[in-house]
Amino acid sequence: MRTGRLAGIHRTSPLFTGMRDHGRLAGRCGGCEFAPVCGGSRSRAFTLAGDPYAEDPWCSYQPGNFPYPADLAAMGLRPAA
């Protein structure tokens, strides 16, 4: 049985706050310049890897391949590590 309001659980749960922290992402998602915007599918990562912070296994993007670095800077994103 749930004891708190859903919004409060979403805001304070270590799992949910961790999933919003793109610095905790692993694999390609962890090194992706679009992680702050996209974050990959945490449900697919958990289902297929058993880890909600693992890379999104269905994402075909390879970090660092975005050809317009000036556009990244304009969006406030940094190039892939």
PDB file of N, CA and C in Angstrom:
ATOM      1  N   MET A   1       0.834  -1.168   0.000  1.00  0.00           N
ATOM      2  CA  MET A   1       0.000   0.000   0.000  1.00  0.00           C
ATOM      3  C   MET A   1       0.887   1.243   0.000  1.00  0.00           C
ATOM      4  N   ARG A   2       0.537   2.201  -0.827  1.00  0.00           N
ATOM      5  CA  ARG A   2       1.287   3.454  -0.918  1.00  0.00           C
ATOM      6  C   ARG A   2       0.964   4.325   0.284  1.00  0.00           C
ATOM      7  N   THR A   3       1.988   4.912   0.871  1.00  0.00           N
ATOM      8  CA  THR A   3       1.775   5.739   2.058  1.00  0.00           C
ATOM      9  C   THR A   3       1.944   7.232   1.798  1.00  0.00           C
ATOM     10  N   GLY A   4       2.471   7.592   0.649  1.00  0.00           N
ATOM     11  CA  GLY A   4       2.690   9.006   0.338  1.00  0.00           C
ATOM     12  C   GLY A   4       2.019   9.388  -0.969  1.00  0.00           C
ATOM     13  N   ARG A   5       1.984  10.676  -1.211  1.00  0.00           N
ATOM     14  CA  ARG A   5       1.418  11.176  -2.468  1.00  0.00           C
ATOM     15  C   ARG A   5       2.378  10.828  -3.601  1.00  0.00           C
ATOM     16  N   LEU A   6       1.836  10.515  -4.760  1.00  0.00           N
ATOM     17  CA  LEU A   6       2.645  10.113  -5.904  1.00  0.00           C
ATOM     18  C   LEU A   6       3.668  11.182  -6.274  1.00  0.00           C
ATOM     19  N   ALA A   7       3.263  12.438  -6.271  1.00  0.00           N
ATOM     20  CA  ALA A   7       4.203  13.518  -6.614  1.00  0.00           C
ATOM     21  C   ALA A   7       5.365  13.553  -5.634  1.00  0.00           C
ATOM     22  N   GLY A   8       5.095  13.352  -4.353  1.00  0.00           N
ATOM     23  CA  GLY A   8       6.153  13.348  -3.356  1.00  0.00           C
ATOM     24  C   GLY A   8       7.104  12.170  -3.531  1.00  0.00           C
ATOM     25  N   ILE A   9       6.546  11.017  -3.855  1.00  0.00           N
ATOM     26  CA  ILE A   9       7.372   9.838  -4.116  1.00  0.00           C
ATOM     27  C   ILE A   9       8.270  10.098  -5.315  1.00  0.00           C
ATOM     28  N   HIS A  10       7.723  10.677  -6.364  1.00  0.00           N
ATOM     29  CA  HIS A  10       8.499  10.973  -7.576  1.00  0.00           C
ATOM     30  C   HIS A  10       9.620  11.961  -7.286  1.00  0.00           C
ATOM     31  N   ARG A  11       9.356  12.936  -6.445  1.00  0.00           N
ATOM     32  CA  ARG A  11      10.358  13.966  -6.143  1.00  0.00           C
ATOM     33  C   ARG A  11      11.446  13.508  -5.182  1.00  0.00           C
ATOM     34  N   THR A  12      11.131  12.576  -4.285  1.00  0.00           N
ATOM     35  CA  THR A  12      12.079  12.260  -3.218  1.00  0.00           C
ATOM     36  C   THR A  12      12.641  10.846  -3.242  1.00  0.00           C
ATOM     37  N   SER A  13      12.055   9.946  -3.987  1.00  0.00           N
ATOM     38  CA  SER A  13      12.538   8.572  -4.031  1.00  0.00           C
ATOM     39  C   SER A  13      13.956   8.520  -4.595  1.00  0.00           C
ATOM     40  N   PRO A  14      14.869   7.799  -3.935  1.00  0.00           N
ATOM     41  CA  PRO A  14      16.228   7.695  -4.467  1.00  0.00           C
ATOM     42  C   PRO A  14      16.270   7.137  -5.895  1.00  0.00           C
ATOM     43  N   LEU A  15      15.382   6.210  -6.220  1.00  0.00           N
ATOM     44  CA  LEU A  15      15.359   5.662  -7.572  1.00  0.00           C
ATOM     45  C   LEU A  15      14.970   6.741  -8.585  1.00  0.00           C
ATOM     46  N   PHE A  16      13.892   7.464  -8.313  1.00  0.00           N
ATOM     47  CA  PHE A  16      13.428   8.462  -9.277  1.00  0.00           C
ATOM     48  C   PHE A  16      14.365   9.661  -9.362  1.00  0.00           C
ATOM     49  N   THR A  17      14.913  10.111  -8.250  1.00  0.00           N
ATOM     50  CA  THR A  17      15.858  11.226  -8.336  1.00  0.00           C
ATOM     51  C   THR A  17      17.130  10.772  -9.047  1.00  0.00           C
ATOM     52  N   GLY A  18      17.541   9.534  -8.834  1.00  0.00           N
ATOM     53  CA  GLY A  18      18.710   8.999  -9.529  1.00  0.00           C
ATOM     54  C   GLY A  18      18.508   8.917 -11.029  1.00  0.00           C
ATOM     55  N   MET A  19      17.302   8.554 -11.459  1.00  0.00           N
ATOM     56  CA  MET A  19      17.053   8.449 -12.898  1.00  0.00           C
ATOM     57  C   MET A  19      17.033   9.812 -13.573  1.00  0.00           C
ATOM     58  N   ARG A  20      16.770  10.860 -12.812  1.00  0.00           N
ATOM     59  CA  ARG A  20      16.819  12.216 -13.386  1.00  0.00           C
ATOM     60  C   ARG A  20      18.229  12.795 -13.369  1.00  0.00           C
ATOM     61  N   ASP A  21      19.151  12.131 -12.714  1.00  0.00           N
ATOM     62  CA  ASP A  21      20.540  12.594 -12.637  1.00  0.00           C
ATOM     63  C   ASP A  21      21.326  11.943 -13.781  1.00  0.00           C
ATOM     64  N   HIS A  22      21.470  12.652 -14.896  1.00  0.00           N
ATOM     65  CA  HIS A  22      22.117  12.051 -16.076  1.00  0.00           C
ATOM     66  C   HIS A  22      23.585  11.720 -15.823  1.00  0.00           C
ATOM     67  N   GLY A  23      24.170  12.245 -14.776  1.00  0.00           N
ATOM     68  CA  GLY A  23      25.539  11.900 -14.427  1.00  0.00           C
ATOM     69  C   GLY A  23      25.686  10.469 -13.909  1.00  0.00           C
ATOM     70  N   ARG A  24      24.595   9.841 -13.537  1.00  0.00           N
ATOM     71  CA  ARG A  24      24.633   8.465 -13.047  1.00  0.00           C
ATOM     72  C   ARG A  24      24.476   7.441 -14.164  1.00  0.00           C
ATOM     73  N   LEU A  25      24.183   7.897 -15.374  1.00  0.00           N
ATOM     74  CA  LEU A  25      23.965   6.967 -16.483  1.00  0.00           C
ATOM     75  C   LEU A  25      25.272   6.297 -16.883  1.00  0.00           C
ATOM     76  N   ALA A  26      25.173   5.053 -17.294  1.00  0.00           N
ATOM     77  CA  ALA A  26      26.345   4.273 -17.685  1.00  0.00           C
ATOM     78  C   ALA A  26      26.349   4.012 -19.183  1.00  0.00           C
ATOM     79  N   GLY A  27      27.431   3.449 -19.666  1.00  0.00           N
ATOM     80  CA  GLY A  27      27.531   3.069 -21.079  1.00  0.00           C
ATOM     81  C   GLY A  27      27.440   4.268 -21.999  1.00  0.00           C
ATOM     82  N   ARG A  28      26.879   4.049 -23.158  1.00  0.00           N
ATOM     83  CA  ARG A  28      26.765   5.128 -24.143  1.00  0.00           C
ATOM     84  C   ARG A  28      25.931   6.294 -23.617  1.00  0.00           C
ATOM     85  N   CYS A  29      24.871   6.005 -22.860  1.00  0.00           N
ATOM     86  CA  CYS A  29      24.038   7.084 -22.323  1.00  0.00           C
ATOM     87  C   CYS A  29      24.846   7.993 -21.399  1.00  0.00           C
ATOM     88  N   GLY A  30      25.749   7.397 -20.624  1.00  0.00           N
ATOM     89  CA  GLY A  30      26.569   8.178 -19.715  1.00  0.00           C
ATOM     90  C   GLY A  30      27.531   9.113 -20.416  1.00  0.00           C
ATOM     91  N   GLY A  31      27.936   8.770 -21.629  1.00  0.00           N
ATOM     92  CA  GLY A  31      28.865   9.605 -22.377  1.00  0.00           C
ATOM     93  C   GLY A  31      28.215  10.417 -23.474  1.00  0.00           C
ATOM     94  N   CYS A  32      26.907  10.393 -23.533  1.00  0.00           N
ATOM     95  CA  CYS A  32      26.190  11.040 -24.643  1.00  0.00           C
ATOM     96  C   CYS A  32      25.952  12.521 -24.371  1.00  0.00           C
ATOM     97  N   GLU A  33      26.201  13.328 -25.375  1.00  0.00           N
ATOM     98  CA  GLU A  33      25.977  14.768 -25.257  1.00  0.00           C
ATOM     99  C   GLU A  33      24.499  15.119 -25.112  1.00  0.00           C
ATOM    100  N   PHE A  34      23.612  14.208 -25.467  1.00  0.00           N
ATOM    101  CA  PHE A  34      22.180  14.466 -25.376  1.00  0.00           C
ATOM    102  C   PHE A  34      21.552  13.898 -24.102  1.00  0.00           C
ATOM    103  N   ALA A  35      22.342  13.339 -23.205  1.00  0.00           N
ATOM    104  CA  ALA A  35      21.818  12.754 -21.970  1.00  0.00           C
ATOM    105  C   ALA A  35      20.955  13.731 -21.160  1.00  0.00           C
ATOM    106  N   PRO A  36      21.331  15.015 -21.048  1.00  0.00           N
ATOM    107  CA  PRO A  36      20.472  15.919 -20.282  1.00  0.00           C
ATOM    108  C   PRO A  36      19.098  16.137 -20.911  1.00  0.00           C
ATOM    109  N   VAL A  37      18.987  15.908 -22.203  1.00  0.00           N
ATOM    110  CA  VAL A  37      17.722  16.121 -22.899  1.00  0.00           C
ATOM    111  C   VAL A  37      16.963  14.812 -23.065  1.00  0.00           C
ATOM    112  N   CYS A  38      17.668  13.750 -23.396  1.00  0.00           N
ATOM    113  CA  CYS A  38      17.059  12.469 -23.725  1.00  0.00           C
ATOM    114  C   CYS A  38      17.072  11.519 -22.535  1.00  0.00           C
ATOM    115  N   GLY A  39      18.244  11.167 -22.086  1.00  0.00           N
ATOM    116  CA  GLY A  39      18.382  10.251 -20.967  1.00  0.00           C
ATOM    117  C   GLY A  39      18.191   8.793 -21.312  1.00  0.00           C
ATOM    118  N   GLY A  40      17.778   8.494 -22.524  1.00  0.00           N
ATOM    119  CA  GLY A  40      17.546   7.103 -22.906  1.00  0.00           C
ATOM    120  C   GLY A  40      16.342   6.526 -22.184  1.00  0.00           C
ATOM    121  N   SER A  41      15.983   5.331 -22.525  1.00  0.00           N
ATOM    122  CA  SER A  41      14.850   4.674 -21.887  1.00  0.00           C
ATOM    123  C   SER A  41      15.324   3.921 -20.655  1.00  0.00           C
ATOM    124  N   ARG A  42      14.959   4.423 -19.518  1.00  0.00           N
ATOM    125  CA  ARG A  42      15.338   3.777 -18.265  1.00  0.00           C
ATOM    126  C   ARG A  42      14.590   2.456 -18.090  1.00  0.00           C
ATOM    127  N   SER A  43      13.368   2.364 -18.627  1.00  0.00           N
ATOM    128  CA  SER A  43      12.613   1.112 -18.504  1.00  0.00           C
ATOM    129  C   SER A  43      13.236   0.010 -19.354  1.00  0.00           C
ATOM    130  N   ARG A  44      13.697   0.336 -20.559  1.00  0.00           N
ATOM    131  CA  ARG A  44      14.368  -0.673 -21.383  1.00  0.00           C
ATOM    132  C   ARG A  44      15.681  -1.093 -20.750  1.00  0.00           C
ATOM    133  N   ALA A  45      16.429  -0.127 -20.223  1.00  0.00           N
ATOM    134  CA  ALA A  45      17.697  -0.447 -19.571  1.00  0.00           C
ATOM    135  C   ALA A  45      17.464  -1.406 -18.410  1.00  0.00           C
ATOM    136  N   PHE A  46      16.468  -1.120 -17.592  1.00  0.00           N
ATOM    137  CA  PHE A  46      16.185  -1.978 -16.446  1.00  0.00           C
ATOM    138  C   PHE A  46      15.697  -3.357 -16.879  1.00  0.00           C
ATOM    139  N   THR A  47      14.816  -3.380 -17.863  1.00  0.00           N
ATOM    140  CA  THR A  47      14.261  -4.657 -18.316  1.00  0.00           C
ATOM    141  C   THR A  47      15.321  -5.551 -18.939  1.00  0.00           C
ATOM    142  N   LEU A  48      16.170  -4.987 -19.778  1.00  0.00           N
ATOM    143  CA  LEU A  48      17.129  -5.806 -20.511  1.00  0.00           C
ATOM    144  C   LEU A  48      18.469  -5.984 -19.800  1.00  0.00           C
ATOM    145  N   ALA A  49      18.869  -5.024 -18.959  1.00  0.00           N
ATOM    146  CA  ALA A  49      20.167  -5.126 -18.289  1.00  0.00           C
ATOM    147  C   ALA A  49      20.035  -5.341 -16.779  1.00  0.00           C
ATOM    148  N   GLY A  50      18.831  -5.133 -16.248  1.00  0.00           N
ATOM    149  CA  GLY A  50      18.645  -5.260 -14.807  1.00  0.00           C
ATOM    150  C   GLY A  50      19.155  -4.068 -14.031  1.00  0.00           C
ATOM    151  N   ASP A  51      19.509  -2.990 -14.726  1.00  0.00           N
ATOM    152  CA  ASP A  51      20.061  -1.790 -14.097  1.00  0.00           C
ATOM    153  C   ASP A  51      19.380  -0.568 -14.717  1.00  0.00           C
ATOM    154  N   PRO A  52      18.645   0.223 -13.926  1.00  0.00           N
ATOM    155  CA  PRO A  52      17.950   1.377 -14.513  1.00  0.00           C
ATOM    156  C   PRO A  52      18.896   2.462 -15.017  1.00  0.00           C
ATOM    157  N   TYR A  53      20.182   2.394 -14.638  1.00  0.00           N
ATOM    158  CA  TYR A  53      21.151   3.398 -15.076  1.00  0.00           C
ATOM    159  C   TYR A  53      22.010   2.924 -16.253  1.00  0.00           C
ATOM    160  N   ALA A  54      21.782   1.713 -16.727  1.00  0.00           N
ATOM    161  CA  ALA A  54      22.544   1.183 -17.862  1.00  0.00           C
ATOM    162  C   ALA A  54      22.174   1.944 -19.139  1.00  0.00           C
ATOM    163  N   GLU A  55      22.977   1.764 -20.178  1.00  0.00           N
ATOM    164  CA  GLU A  55      22.656   2.423 -21.452  1.00  0.00           C
ATOM    165  C   GLU A  55      21.366   1.856 -22.035  1.00  0.00           C
ATOM    166  N   ASP A  56      20.704   2.676 -22.832  1.00  0.00           N
ATOM    167  CA  ASP A  56      19.495   2.233 -23.531  1.00  0.00           C
ATOM    168  C   ASP A  56      19.924   1.276 -24.637  1.00  0.00           C
ATOM    169  N   PRO A  57      19.602   0.010 -24.528  1.00  0.00           N
ATOM    170  CA  PRO A  57      20.107  -0.969 -25.497  1.00  0.00           C
ATOM    171  C   PRO A  57      19.554  -0.800 -26.907  1.00  0.00           C
ATOM    172  N   TRP A  58      18.470  -0.087 -27.069  1.00  0.00           N
ATOM    173  CA  TRP A  58      17.892   0.080 -28.402  1.00  0.00           C
ATOM    174  C   TRP A  58      18.304   1.374 -29.088  1.00  0.00           C
ATOM    175  N   CYS A  59      19.031   2.230 -28.405  1.00  0.00           N
ATOM    176  CA  CYS A  59      19.460   3.486 -29.015  1.00  0.00           C
ATOM    177  C   CYS A  59      20.603   3.203 -29.981  1.00  0.00           C
ATOM    178  N   SER A  60      20.474   3.704 -31.184  1.00  0.00           N
ATOM    179  CA  SER A  60      21.507   3.457 -32.195  1.00  0.00           C
ATOM    180  C   SER A  60      22.516   4.607 -32.286  1.00  0.00           C
ATOM    181  N   TYR A  61      22.276   5.694 -31.563  1.00  0.00           N
ATOM    182  CA  TYR A  61      23.180   6.841 -31.636  1.00  0.00           C
ATOM    183  C   TYR A  61      24.495   6.538 -30.940  1.00  0.00           C
ATOM    184  N   GLN A  62      25.588   6.909 -31.572  1.00  0.00           N
ATOM    185  CA  GLN A  62      26.922   6.783 -30.984  1.00  0.00           C
ATOM    186  C   GLN A  62      27.359   8.168 -30.515  1.00  0.00           C
ATOM    187  N   PRO A  63      27.541   8.362 -29.209  1.00  0.00           N
ATOM    188  CA  PRO A  63      27.930   9.677 -28.698  1.00  0.00           C
ATOM    189  C   PRO A  63      29.151  10.233 -29.428  1.00  0.00           C
ATOM    190  N   GLY A  64      29.085  11.533 -29.661  1.00  0.00           N
ATOM    191  CA  GLY A  64      30.188  12.216 -30.327  1.00  0.00           C
ATOM    192  C   GLY A  64      30.020  12.328 -31.833  1.00  0.00           C
ATOM    193  N   ASN A  65      28.952  11.805 -32.391  1.00  0.00           N
ATOM    194  CA  ASN A  65      28.758  11.835 -33.841  1.00  0.00           C
ATOM    195  C   ASN A  65      27.867  12.974 -34.321  1.00  0.00           C
ATOM    196  N   PHE A  66      27.420  13.840 -33.433  1.00  0.00           N
ATOM    197  CA  PHE A  66      26.591  14.960 -33.866  1.00  0.00           C
ATOM    198  C   PHE A  66      27.477  15.945 -34.621  1.00  0.00           C
ATOM    199  N   PRO A  67      27.154  16.245 -35.882  1.00  0.00           N
ATOM    200  CA  PRO A  67      28.083  17.000 -36.725  1.00  0.00           C
ATOM    201  C   PRO A  67      28.076  18.525 -36.538  1.00  0.00           C
ATOM    202  N   TYR A  68      27.264  19.055 -35.631  1.00  0.00           N
ATOM    203  CA  TYR A  68      27.149  20.506 -35.505  1.00  0.00           C
ATOM    204  C   TYR A  68      27.441  20.953 -34.067  1.00  0.00           C
ATOM    205  N   PRO A  69      28.708  21.005 -33.680  1.00  0.00           N
ATOM    206  CA  PRO A  69      29.050  21.350 -32.294  1.00  0.00           C
ATOM    207  C   PRO A  69      28.555  22.734 -31.878  1.00  0.00           C
ATOM    208  N   ALA A  70      28.476  23.672 -32.812  1.00  0.00           N
ATOM    209  CA  ALA A  70      27.977  25.007 -32.467  1.00  0.00           C
ATOM    210  C   ALA A  70      26.516  24.938 -32.033  1.00  0.00           C
ATOM    211  N   ASP A  71      25.752  24.047 -32.642  1.00  0.00           N
ATOM    212  CA  ASP A  71      24.349  23.886 -32.252  1.00  0.00           C
ATOM    213  C   ASP A  71      24.236  23.292 -30.848  1.00  0.00           C
ATOM    214  N   LEU A  72      25.160  22.391 -30.499  1.00  0.00           N
ATOM    215  CA  LEU A  72      25.164  21.850 -29.141  1.00  0.00           C
ATOM    216  C   LEU A  72      25.374  22.969 -28.136  1.00  0.00           C
ATOM    217  N   ALA A  73      26.352  23.818 -28.409  1.00  0.00           N
ATOM    218  CA  ALA A  73      26.641  24.935 -27.497  1.00  0.00           C
ATOM    219  C   ALA A  73      25.453  25.871 -27.385  1.00  0.00           C
ATOM    220  N   ALA A  74      24.750  26.116 -28.477  1.00  0.00           N
ATOM    221  CA  ALA A  74      23.589  26.993 -28.462  1.00  0.00           C
ATOM    222  C   ALA A  74      22.464  26.397 -27.607  1.00  0.00           C
ATOM    223  N   MET A  75      22.418  25.062 -27.522  1.00  0.00           N
ATOM    224  CA  MET A  75      21.404  24.393 -26.701  1.00  0.00           C
ATOM    225  C   MET A  75      21.870  24.205 -25.268  1.00  0.00           C
ATOM    226  N   GLY A  76      23.090  24.642 -24.961  1.00  0.00           N
ATOM    227  CA  GLY A  76      23.631  24.506 -23.619  1.00  0.00           C
ATOM    228  C   GLY A  76      24.150  23.089 -23.325  1.00  0.00           C
ATOM    229  N   LEU A  77      24.456  22.328 -24.377  1.00  0.00           N
ATOM    230  CA  LEU A  77      24.965  20.961 -24.219  1.00  0.00           C
ATOM    231  C   LEU A  77      26.440  20.936 -24.502  1.00  0.00           C
ATOM    232  N   ARG A  78      27.134  20.004 -23.892  1.00  0.00           N
ATOM    233  CA  ARG A  78      28.570  19.836 -24.133  1.00  0.00           C
ATOM    234  C   ARG A  78      28.804  18.668 -25.063  1.00  0.00           C
ATOM    235  N   PRO A  79      29.850  18.719 -25.861  1.00  0.00           N
ATOM    236  CA  PRO A  79      30.190  17.571 -26.719  1.00  0.00           C
ATOM    237  C   PRO A  79      30.417  16.319 -25.866  1.00  0.00           C
ATOM    238  N   ALA A  80      30.234  15.167 -26.487  1.00  0.00           N
ATOM    239  CA  ALA A  80      30.411  13.892 -25.791  1.00  0.00           C
ATOM    240  C   ALA A  80      31.835  13.757 -25.283  1.00  0.00           C
ATOM    241  N   ALA A  81      31.941  13.077 -24.149  1.00  0.00           N
ATOM    242  CA  ALA A  81      33.253  12.873 -23.532  1.00  0.00           C
ATOM    243  C   ALA A  81      34.078  11.885 -24.324  1.00  0.00           C
TER     244      ALA A  81
END
